[in-house]
Amino acid sequence: MVKPAKEFYSKAFKGEWIRLVKDAYHNLEFTTTMHFLKKHLPRGGHILDAGGGPGRYTIALAKMGYKVTLLDITPENLEYAKKQIKRAKVGNKVDAIVEGSITDLSVFENNTFDAVICLGGPLSHVQGESNRKKAISELTRVAKKKAPVFVSIMSKYGTYLSWPLWSSEMLLPNFNSFIEHGDDYRWIGKYYCHFYTREQLKQAFAIPSLKFIDIIGLEGNVYIAKDLVSKEFKKPKIARKAFETHLKLCNDQFIADASAHMMIICKKI
């Protein structure tokens, strides 16, 4: 029986907190995301961190001087976030910590936030296309006009490139569902996850109230060599040059599709 990912994250909040900093490969997702947040965010204002988990981005943005509201569906994530926010001494910049789903942001008025972020893949864990459309509509609704909206998801082709590491999974019926529809009903064994191609992600956000800006491949095309990447990135010169190259290529259509996570950047109009 497929279970909602909320159950997984209720037990994995500590792992999710360290995921983006535990090695150089995973840090690519965080560092690349932050690069483009800094590029497109307004100079100040109030940001909604929707599906923000244990608060990694909330804290980073609060340290930059933004006022941030953190929303997540998992109480355990939020309790852990409170501890990390206190430890980081940025509680004065965190306006609210709210339990809720990205499919229903009715606790917030229209045009509330100067920017909206939904990072790490919360949208990928929303089951059903109609519910994902509702989440996109809600994330857009609460953004002010001209506010940037950033949403990252899990990539279909990027994940497919990693299947040789788990070749036995290719023999299961779930693999056909993943290939044909992007639906994985056995994510981490028993949870649900939806995977997008770059074109599908762009189409999902092709709504009248949003202007498309870009799609970024957050880790690039190196998933299957992630251990090697983490080893090589320990050498400062190599790490610096590799990241410079990554930033030049990460919005290429092939690189975006080949990445484990993609981030779409839009602006509300």
C-alpha atoms as a PDB file:
ATOM      1  CA  MET A   1       0.000   0.000   0.000  1.00  0.00           C
ATOM      2  CA  VAL A   2       1.414   3.377  -1.034  1.00  0.00           C
ATOM      3  CA  LYS A   3       1.793   5.832   1.807  1.00  0.00           C
ATOM      4  CA  PRO A   4       2.075   9.638   1.757  1.00  0.00           C
ATOM      5  CA  ALA A   5       5.622  10.958   2.067  1.00  0.00           C
ATOM      6  CA  LYS A   6       4.554  12.868   5.184  1.00  0.00           C
ATOM      7  CA  GLU A   7       5.013   9.628   7.108  1.00  0.00           C
ATOM      8  CA  PHE A   8       8.570   9.255   5.814  1.00  0.00           C
ATOM      9  CA  TYR A   9       9.579  12.818   6.718  1.00  0.00           C
ATOM     10  CA  SER A  10       8.058  12.499  10.179  1.00  0.00           C
ATOM     11  CA  LYS A  11      10.875  10.031  10.875  1.00  0.00           C
ATOM     12  CA  ALA A  12      13.585  11.455   8.597  1.00  0.00           C
ATOM     13  CA  PHE A  13      13.635  15.121   9.646  1.00  0.00           C
ATOM     14  CA  LYS A  14      17.198  14.926  10.978  1.00  0.00           C
ATOM     15  CA  GLY A  15      18.386  13.280   7.784  1.00  0.00           C
ATOM     16  CA  GLU A  16      16.628  15.936   5.703  1.00  0.00           C
ATOM     17  CA  TRP A  17      18.290  18.671   7.776  1.00  0.00           C
ATOM     18  CA  ILE A  18      21.785  17.363   6.990  1.00  0.00           C
ATOM     19  CA  ARG A  19      21.037  16.111   3.453  1.00  0.00           C
ATOM     20  CA  LEU A  20      22.059  19.315   1.679  1.00  0.00           C
ATOM     21  CA  VAL A  21      25.363  19.657   3.511  1.00  0.00           C
ATOM     22  CA  LYS A  22      26.486  16.082   4.109  1.00  0.00           C
ATOM     23  CA  ASP A  23      28.781  15.937   1.074  1.00  0.00           C
ATOM     24  CA  ALA A  24      29.813  17.983  -1.958  1.00  0.00           C
ATOM     25  CA  TYR A  25      27.382  16.267  -4.312  1.00  0.00           C
ATOM     26  CA  HIS A  26      24.309  16.989  -2.188  1.00  0.00           C
ATOM     27  CA  ASN A  27      25.591  20.470  -1.445  1.00  0.00           C
ATOM     28  CA  LEU A  28      25.389  21.215  -5.174  1.00  0.00           C
ATOM     29  CA  GLU A  29      21.597  21.309  -4.837  1.00  0.00           C
ATOM     30  CA  PHE A  30      21.750  23.802  -1.980  1.00  0.00           C
ATOM     31  CA  THR A  31      24.554  25.981  -3.366  1.00  0.00           C
ATOM     32  CA  THR A  32      23.028  26.163  -6.857  1.00  0.00           C
ATOM     33  CA  THR A  33      19.613  26.963  -5.431  1.00  0.00           C
ATOM     34  CA  MET A  34      21.017  29.734  -3.258  1.00  0.00           C
ATOM     35  CA  HIS A  35      22.917  31.185  -6.228  1.00  0.00           C
ATOM     36  CA  PHE A  36      19.694  31.619  -8.198  1.00  0.00           C
ATOM     37  CA  LEU A  37      17.687  32.784  -5.193  1.00  0.00           C
ATOM     38  CA  LYS A  38      20.208  35.571  -4.695  1.00  0.00           C
ATOM     39  CA  LYS A  39      20.037  36.384  -8.398  1.00  0.00           C
ATOM     40  CA  HIS A  40      16.238  36.683  -8.615  1.00  0.00           C
ATOM     41  CA  LEU A  41      14.950  37.554  -5.136  1.00  0.00           C
ATOM     42  CA  PRO A  42      13.996  41.151  -4.356  1.00  0.00           C
ATOM     43  CA  ARG A  43      16.431  43.013  -2.120  1.00  0.00           C
ATOM     44  CA  GLY A  44      14.166  42.617   0.888  1.00  0.00           C
ATOM     45  CA  GLY A  45      10.708  41.518   1.920  1.00  0.00           C
ATOM     46  CA  HIS A  46       8.664  38.625   3.237  1.00  0.00           C
ATOM     47  CA  ILE A  47       9.271  35.130   1.812  1.00  0.00           C
ATOM     48  CA  LEU A  48       7.075  32.036   2.131  1.00  0.00           C
ATOM     49  CA  ASP A  49       9.137  28.862   2.492  1.00  0.00           C
ATOM     50  CA  ALA A  50       6.402  26.369   1.540  1.00  0.00           C
ATOM     51  CA  GLY A  51       7.168  22.753   2.306  1.00  0.00           C
ATOM     52  CA  GLY A  52      10.342  24.004   3.929  1.00  0.00           C
ATOM     53  CA  GLY A  53      10.894  20.956   6.126  1.00  0.00           C
ATOM     54  CA  PRO A  54      13.373  21.452   8.980  1.00  0.00           C
ATOM     55  CA  GLY A  55      14.165  24.996   7.849  1.00  0.00           C
ATOM     56  CA  ARG A  56      17.495  24.902   5.994  1.00  0.00           C
ATOM     57  CA  TYR A  57      16.396  27.591   3.495  1.00  0.00           C
ATOM     58  CA  THR A  58      14.383  29.531   6.056  1.00  0.00           C
ATOM     59  CA  ILE A  59      17.491  30.006   8.160  1.00  0.00           C
ATOM     60  CA  ALA A  60      19.709  30.860   5.187  1.00  0.00           C
ATOM     61  CA  LEU A  61      17.270  33.533   4.001  1.00  0.00           C
ATOM     62  CA  ALA A  62      16.726  34.884   7.516  1.00  0.00           C
ATOM     63  CA  LYS A  63      20.490  35.321   7.835  1.00  0.00           C
ATOM     64  CA  MET A  64      20.344  37.380   4.643  1.00  0.00           C
ATOM     65  CA  GLY A  65      17.854  39.730   6.299  1.00  0.00           C
ATOM     66  CA  TYR A  66      14.569  38.501   4.824  1.00  0.00           C
ATOM     67  CA  LYS A  67      11.453  37.972   6.901  1.00  0.00           C
ATOM     68  CA  VAL A  68      10.415  34.344   6.398  1.00  0.00           C
ATOM     69  CA  THR A  69       7.309  32.283   7.062  1.00  0.00           C
ATOM     70  CA  LEU A  70       7.966  28.539   7.202  1.00  0.00           C
ATOM     71  CA  LEU A  71       5.167  26.131   6.282  1.00  0.00           C
ATOM     72  CA  ASP A  72       5.381  22.346   6.296  1.00  0.00           C
ATOM     73  CA  ILE A  73       2.960  19.435   6.502  1.00  0.00           C
ATOM     74  CA  THR A  74       5.034  17.462   9.013  1.00  0.00           C
ATOM     75  CA  PRO A  75       4.919  18.507  12.702  1.00  0.00           C
ATOM     76  CA  GLU A  76       8.222  16.765  13.410  1.00  0.00           C
ATOM     77  CA  ASN A  77       9.926  18.860  10.725  1.00  0.00           C
ATOM     78  CA  LEU A  78       8.559  22.048  12.259  1.00  0.00           C
ATOM     79  CA  GLU A  79       9.599  21.157  15.794  1.00  0.00           C
ATOM     80  CA  TYR A  80      13.118  20.432  14.583  1.00  0.00           C
ATOM     81  CA  ALA A  81      13.095  23.673  12.604  1.00  0.00           C
ATOM     82  CA  LYS A  82      12.239  25.634  15.735  1.00  0.00           C
ATOM     83  CA  LYS A  83      15.326  24.233  17.447  1.00  0.00           C
ATOM     84  CA  GLN A  84      17.571  25.051  14.493  1.00  0.00           C
ATOM     85  CA  ILE A  85      16.118  28.557  14.161  1.00  0.00           C
ATOM     86  CA  LYS A  86      16.804  29.188  17.843  1.00  0.00           C
ATOM     87  CA  ARG A  87      20.323  27.778  17.512  1.00  0.00           C
ATOM     88  CA  ALA A  88      20.982  30.033  14.508  1.00  0.00           C
ATOM     89  CA  LYS A  89      19.632  33.049  16.448  1.00  0.00           C
ATOM     90  CA  VAL A  90      17.365  34.173  13.620  1.00  0.00           C
ATOM     91  CA  GLY A  91      14.031  33.847  15.401  1.00  0.00           C
ATOM     92  CA  ASN A  92      13.448  37.589  15.066  1.00  0.00           C
ATOM     93  CA  LYS A  93      13.360  37.184  11.270  1.00  0.00           C
ATOM     94  CA  VAL A  94      11.014  34.169  11.211  1.00  0.00           C
ATOM     95  CA  ASP A  95       7.531  35.633  11.150  1.00  0.00           C
ATOM     96  CA  ALA A  96       5.613  32.382  11.603  1.00  0.00           C
ATOM     97  CA  ILE A  97       5.985  28.605  11.613  1.00  0.00           C
ATOM     98  CA  VAL A  98       2.821  27.047  10.195  1.00  0.00           C
ATOM     99  CA  GLU A  99       1.639  23.461   9.834  1.00  0.00           C
ATOM    100  CA  GLY A 100      -0.074  23.036   6.484  1.00  0.00           C
ATOM    101  CA  SER A 101      -0.035  21.647   2.960  1.00  0.00           C
ATOM    102  CA  ILE A 102       1.055  23.378  -0.232  1.00  0.00           C
ATOM    103  CA  THR A 103      -2.287  22.295  -1.751  1.00  0.00           C
ATOM    104  CA  ASP A 104      -4.182  24.525   0.695  1.00  0.00           C
ATOM    105  CA  LEU A 105      -2.611  27.862   1.658  1.00  0.00           C
ATOM    106  CA  SER A 106      -5.942  29.410   2.666  1.00  0.00           C
ATOM    107  CA  VAL A 107      -4.369  30.571   5.929  1.00  0.00           C
ATOM    108  CA  PHE A 108      -2.694  33.261   3.795  1.00  0.00           C
ATOM    109  CA  GLU A 109      -4.420  36.061   1.898  1.00  0.00           C
ATOM    110  CA  ASN A 110      -3.940  36.696  -1.805  1.00  0.00           C
ATOM    111  CA  ASN A 111      -0.803  38.636  -2.757  1.00  0.00           C
ATOM    112  CA  THR A 112       0.859  38.266   0.645  1.00  0.00           C
ATOM    113  CA  PHE A 113       4.494  37.422  -0.060  1.00  0.00           C
ATOM    114  CA  ASP A 114       7.313  39.213  -1.880  1.00  0.00           C
ATOM    115  CA  ALA A 115       8.643  35.805  -2.978  1.00  0.00           C
ATOM    116  CA  VAL A 116       7.550  32.174  -2.668  1.00  0.00           C
ATOM    117  CA  ILE A 117       9.897  29.193  -2.513  1.00  0.00           C
ATOM    118  CA  CYS A 118       8.978  25.506  -2.513  1.00  0.00           C
ATOM    119  CA  LEU A 119      12.268  23.638  -2.542  1.00  0.00           C
ATOM    120  CA  GLY A 120      13.605  20.109  -2.252  1.00  0.00           C
ATOM    121  CA  GLY A 121      10.650  18.417  -3.934  1.00  0.00           C
ATOM    122  CA  PRO A 122       7.403  18.950  -1.939  1.00  0.00           C
ATOM    123  CA  LEU A 123       5.433  19.242  -5.184  1.00  0.00           C
ATOM    124  CA  SER A 124       6.773  15.832  -6.275  1.00  0.00           C
ATOM    125  CA  HIS A 125       5.165  14.285  -3.206  1.00  0.00           C
ATOM    126  CA  VAL A 126       1.672  15.583  -4.058  1.00  0.00           C
ATOM    127  CA  GLN A 127      -0.291  12.637  -5.443  1.00  0.00           C
ATOM    128  CA  GLY A 128      -2.599  13.280  -8.382  1.00  0.00           C
ATOM    129  CA  GLU A 129      -2.238  15.790 -11.216  1.00  0.00           C
ATOM    130  CA  SER A 130      -5.265  17.803 -10.085  1.00  0.00           C
ATOM    131  CA  ASN A 131      -3.746  18.202  -6.626  1.00  0.00           C
ATOM    132  CA  ARG A 132      -0.411  19.287  -8.105  1.00  0.00           C
ATOM    133  CA  LYS A 133      -2.246  21.886 -10.209  1.00  0.00           C
ATOM    134  CA  LYS A 134      -3.963  23.105  -7.049  1.00  0.00           C
ATOM    135  CA  ALA A 135      -0.609  23.424  -5.276  1.00  0.00           C
ATOM    136  CA  ILE A 136       0.843  25.476  -8.153  1.00  0.00           C
ATOM    137  CA  SER A 137      -2.253  27.689  -8.111  1.00  0.00           C
ATOM    138  CA  GLU A 138      -1.941  28.229  -4.348  1.00  0.00           C
ATOM    139  CA  LEU A 139       1.783  28.991  -4.466  1.00  0.00           C
ATOM    140  CA  THR A 140       1.039  31.574  -7.146  1.00  0.00           C
ATOM    141  CA  ARG A 141      -2.026  33.045  -5.439  1.00  0.00           C
ATOM    142  CA  VAL A 142      -0.198  34.019  -2.248  1.00  0.00           C
ATOM    143  CA  ALA A 143       2.649  35.713  -4.151  1.00  0.00           C
ATOM    144  CA  LYS A 144       2.464  39.445  -4.786  1.00  0.00           C
ATOM    145  CA  LYS A 145       2.498  40.753  -8.329  1.00  0.00           C
ATOM    146  CA  LYS A 146       6.036  40.736  -9.751  1.00  0.00           C
ATOM    147  CA  ALA A 147       7.117  38.329  -6.984  1.00  0.00           C
ATOM    148  CA  PRO A 148       9.417  35.474  -8.025  1.00  0.00           C
ATOM    149  CA  VAL A 149       8.239  31.904  -7.450  1.00  0.00           C
ATOM    150  CA  PHE A 150      10.832  29.117  -7.132  1.00  0.00           C
ATOM    151  CA  VAL A 151       9.798  25.442  -7.133  1.00  0.00           C
ATOM    152  CA  SER A 152      12.138  22.465  -7.266  1.00  0.00           C
ATOM    153  CA  ILE A 153      11.062  18.920  -8.086  1.00  0.00           C
ATOM    154  CA  MET A 154      12.521  15.488  -8.665  1.00  0.00           C
ATOM    155  CA  SER A 155      13.584  14.793 -12.250  1.00  0.00           C
ATOM    156  CA  LYS A 156      12.332  11.816 -14.240  1.00  0.00           C
ATOM    157  CA  TYR A 157      15.301  11.431 -16.562  1.00  0.00           C
ATOM    158  CA  GLY A 158      17.829  12.363 -13.896  1.00  0.00           C
ATOM    159  CA  THR A 159      16.431   9.602 -11.713  1.00  0.00           C
ATOM    160  CA  TYR A 160      16.309   7.184 -14.647  1.00  0.00           C
ATOM    161  CA  LEU A 161      20.047   7.677 -15.147  1.00  0.00           C
ATOM    162  CA  SER A 162      20.541   6.260 -11.654  1.00  0.00           C
ATOM    163  CA  TRP A 163      18.504   3.095 -12.236  1.00  0.00           C
ATOM    164  CA  PRO A 164      21.583   0.980 -13.098  1.00  0.00           C
ATOM    165  CA  LEU A 165      22.495   1.346  -9.435  1.00  0.00           C
ATOM    166  CA  TRP A 166      19.262  -0.485  -8.569  1.00  0.00           C
ATOM    167  CA  SER A 167      18.797  -2.622 -11.684  1.00  0.00           C
ATOM    168  CA  SER A 168      16.570  -5.170  -9.902  1.00  0.00           C
ATOM    169  CA  GLU A 169      13.921  -2.453  -9.532  1.00  0.00           C
ATOM    170  CA  MET A 170      13.566  -2.391 -13.324  1.00  0.00           C
ATOM    171  CA  LEU A 171      11.863  -5.806 -13.145  1.00  0.00           C
ATOM    172  CA  LEU A 172       9.024  -4.527 -10.963  1.00  0.00           C
ATOM    173  CA  PRO A 173       5.643  -3.214 -12.258  1.00  0.00           C
ATOM    174  CA  ASN A 174       6.352   0.076 -10.485  1.00  0.00           C
ATOM    175  CA  PHE A 175       9.103   0.765 -13.014  1.00  0.00           C
ATOM    176  CA  ASN A 176       6.575   0.904 -15.872  1.00  0.00           C
ATOM    177  CA  SER A 177       4.496   3.438 -13.962  1.00  0.00           C
ATOM    178  CA  PHE A 178       7.595   5.550 -13.422  1.00  0.00           C
ATOM    179  CA  ILE A 179       8.600   5.431 -17.095  1.00  0.00           C
ATOM    180  CA  GLU A 180       5.130   5.995 -18.544  1.00  0.00           C
ATOM    181  CA  HIS A 181       3.653   8.467 -16.077  1.00  0.00           C
ATOM    182  CA  GLY A 182       6.448   9.648 -13.784  1.00  0.00           C
ATOM    183  CA  ASP A 183       4.694   8.072 -10.797  1.00  0.00           C
ATOM    184  CA  ASP A 184       6.727   6.074  -8.290  1.00  0.00           C
ATOM    185  CA  TYR A 185       4.550   4.229  -5.778  1.00  0.00           C
ATOM    186  CA  ARG A 186       7.561   2.604  -4.120  1.00  0.00           C
ATOM    187  CA  TRP A 187       9.702   5.671  -3.402  1.00  0.00           C
ATOM    188  CA  ILE A 188      11.981   4.690  -0.498  1.00  0.00           C
ATOM    189  CA  GLY A 189      10.110   1.388  -0.573  1.00  0.00           C
ATOM    190  CA  LYS A 190       6.491   2.387   0.087  1.00  0.00           C
ATOM    191  CA  TYR A 191       5.892   6.114  -0.436  1.00  0.00           C
ATOM    192  CA  TYR A 192       4.666   8.204  -3.356  1.00  0.00           C
ATOM    193  CA  CYS A 193       6.701  10.508  -5.572  1.00  0.00           C
ATOM    194  CA  HIS A 194       6.051  12.125  -8.962  1.00  0.00           C
ATOM    195  CA  PHE A 195       8.944  12.830 -11.338  1.00  0.00           C
ATOM    196  CA  TYR A 196       8.914  15.496 -14.060  1.00  0.00           C
ATOM    197  CA  THR A 197      10.709  15.967 -17.336  1.00  0.00           C
ATOM    198  CA  ARG A 198      11.853  19.512 -18.025  1.00  0.00           C
ATOM    199  CA  GLU A 199       9.105  20.020 -20.602  1.00  0.00           C
ATOM    200  CA  GLN A 200       6.426  18.649 -18.268  1.00  0.00           C
ATOM    201  CA  LEU A 201       7.602  20.983 -15.512  1.00  0.00           C
ATOM    202  CA  LYS A 202       7.484  23.982 -17.829  1.00  0.00           C
ATOM    203  CA  GLN A 203       3.990  23.035 -19.006  1.00  0.00           C
ATOM    204  CA  ALA A 204       2.754  22.583 -15.439  1.00  0.00           C
ATOM    205  CA  PHE A 205       3.640  26.200 -14.686  1.00  0.00           C
ATOM    206  CA  ALA A 206       2.315  27.582 -17.982  1.00  0.00           C
ATOM    207  CA  ILE A 207      -0.567  29.461 -16.368  1.00  0.00           C
ATOM    208  CA  PRO A 208      -1.737  33.001 -17.212  1.00  0.00           C
ATOM    209  CA  SER A 209      -0.584  34.524 -13.927  1.00  0.00           C
ATOM    210  CA  LEU A 210       3.026  33.340 -14.234  1.00  0.00           C
ATOM    211  CA  LYS A 211       5.859  34.405 -16.514  1.00  0.00           C
ATOM    212  CA  PHE A 212       8.464  31.705 -17.124  1.00  0.00           C
ATOM    213  CA  ILE A 213      12.061  32.733 -16.389  1.00  0.00           C
ATOM    214  CA  ASP A 214      14.224  29.600 -16.343  1.00  0.00           C
ATOM    215  CA  ILE A 215      14.643  25.952 -15.350  1.00  0.00           C
ATOM    216  CA  ILE A 216      17.829  24.954 -13.549  1.00  0.00           C
ATOM    217  CA  GLY A 217      19.393  21.499 -13.197  1.00  0.00           C
ATOM    218  CA  LEU A 218      20.486  21.750  -9.581  1.00  0.00           C
ATOM    219  CA  GLU A 219      23.111  18.984  -9.495  1.00  0.00           C
ATOM    220  CA  GLY A 220      23.922  18.727 -13.174  1.00  0.00           C
ATOM    221  CA  ASN A 221      24.405  15.369 -14.910  1.00  0.00           C
ATOM    222  CA  VAL A 222      26.610  13.698 -12.307  1.00  0.00           C
ATOM    223  CA  TYR A 223      24.230  11.612 -10.175  1.00  0.00           C
ATOM    224  CA  ILE A 224      25.724   8.253 -11.080  1.00  0.00           C
ATOM    225  CA  ALA A 225      29.198   9.614 -10.219  1.00  0.00           C
ATOM    226  CA  LYS A 226      28.152  11.421  -7.048  1.00  0.00           C
ATOM    227  CA  ASP A 227      30.733   9.691  -4.846  1.00  0.00           C
ATOM    228  CA  LEU A 228      33.503  10.715  -7.230  1.00  0.00           C
ATOM    229  CA  VAL A 229      32.156  14.275  -7.298  1.00  0.00           C
ATOM    230  CA  SER A 230      32.238  14.486  -3.511  1.00  0.00           C
ATOM    231  CA  LYS A 231      35.813  13.169  -3.496  1.00  0.00           C
ATOM    232  CA  GLU A 232      37.068  15.538  -6.215  1.00  0.00           C
ATOM    233  CA  PHE A 233      35.308  18.575  -4.743  1.00  0.00           C
ATOM    234  CA  LYS A 234      37.529  18.265  -1.680  1.00  0.00           C
ATOM    235  CA  LYS A 235      40.233  19.824  -3.863  1.00  0.00           C
ATOM    236  CA  PRO A 236      39.513  23.600  -3.753  1.00  0.00           C
ATOM    237  CA  LYS A 237      40.765  24.459  -7.247  1.00  0.00           C
ATOM    238  CA  ILE A 238      38.811  21.628  -8.846  1.00  0.00           C
ATOM    239  CA  ALA A 239      35.713  22.461  -6.819  1.00  0.00           C
ATOM    240  CA  ARG A 240      35.839  26.131  -7.789  1.00  0.00           C
ATOM    241  CA  LYS A 241      36.348  25.441 -11.503  1.00  0.00           C
ATOM    242  CA  ALA A 242      33.720  22.695 -11.571  1.00  0.00           C
ATOM    243  CA  PHE A 243      31.127  24.918  -9.923  1.00  0.00           C
ATOM    244  CA  GLU A 244      31.873  27.762 -12.333  1.00  0.00           C
ATOM    245  CA  THR A 245      31.333  25.363 -15.227  1.00  0.00           C
ATOM    246  CA  HIS A 246      28.184  23.971 -13.611  1.00  0.00           C
ATOM    247  CA  LEU A 247      26.658  27.465 -13.389  1.00  0.00           C
ATOM    248  CA  LYS A 248      27.319  28.015 -17.090  1.00  0.00           C
ATOM    249  CA  LEU A 249      25.567  24.786 -18.084  1.00  0.00           C
ATOM    250  CA  CYS A 250      22.894  24.152 -15.449  1.00  0.00           C
ATOM    251  CA  ASN A 251      20.066  25.787 -17.403  1.00  0.00           C
ATOM    252  CA  ASP A 252      20.842  23.811 -20.552  1.00  0.00           C
ATOM    253  CA  GLN A 253      17.836  21.623 -21.428  1.00  0.00           C
ATOM    254  CA  PHE A 254      19.834  18.381 -21.388  1.00  0.00           C
ATOM    255  CA  ILE A 255      21.591  19.185 -18.107  1.00  0.00           C
ATOM    256  CA  ALA A 256      18.305  20.131 -16.451  1.00  0.00           C
ATOM    257  CA  ASP A 257      16.663  16.856 -17.497  1.00  0.00           C
ATOM    258  CA  ALA A 258      19.726  14.855 -16.437  1.00  0.00           C
ATOM    259  CA  SER A 259      19.848  16.410 -12.973  1.00  0.00           C
ATOM    260  CA  ALA A 260      18.318  14.683  -9.954  1.00  0.00           C
ATOM    261  CA  HIS A 261      16.432  17.891  -9.047  1.00  0.00           C
ATOM    262  CA  MET A 262      15.221  20.719 -11.252  1.00  0.00           C
ATOM    263  CA  MET A 263      14.094  24.173 -10.162  1.00  0.00           C
ATOM    264  CA  ILE A 264      11.692  26.303 -12.162  1.00  0.00           C
ATOM    265  CA  ILE A 265      11.819  30.061 -11.698  1.00  0.00           C
ATOM    266  CA  CYS A 266       8.778  32.148 -12.583  1.00  0.00           C
ATOM    267  CA  LYS A 267       7.453  35.608 -11.828  1.00  0.00           C
ATOM    268  CA  LYS A 268       3.851  36.457 -11.000  1.00  0.00           C
ATOM    269  CA  ILE A 269       2.319  38.928 -13.428  1.00  0.00           C
END
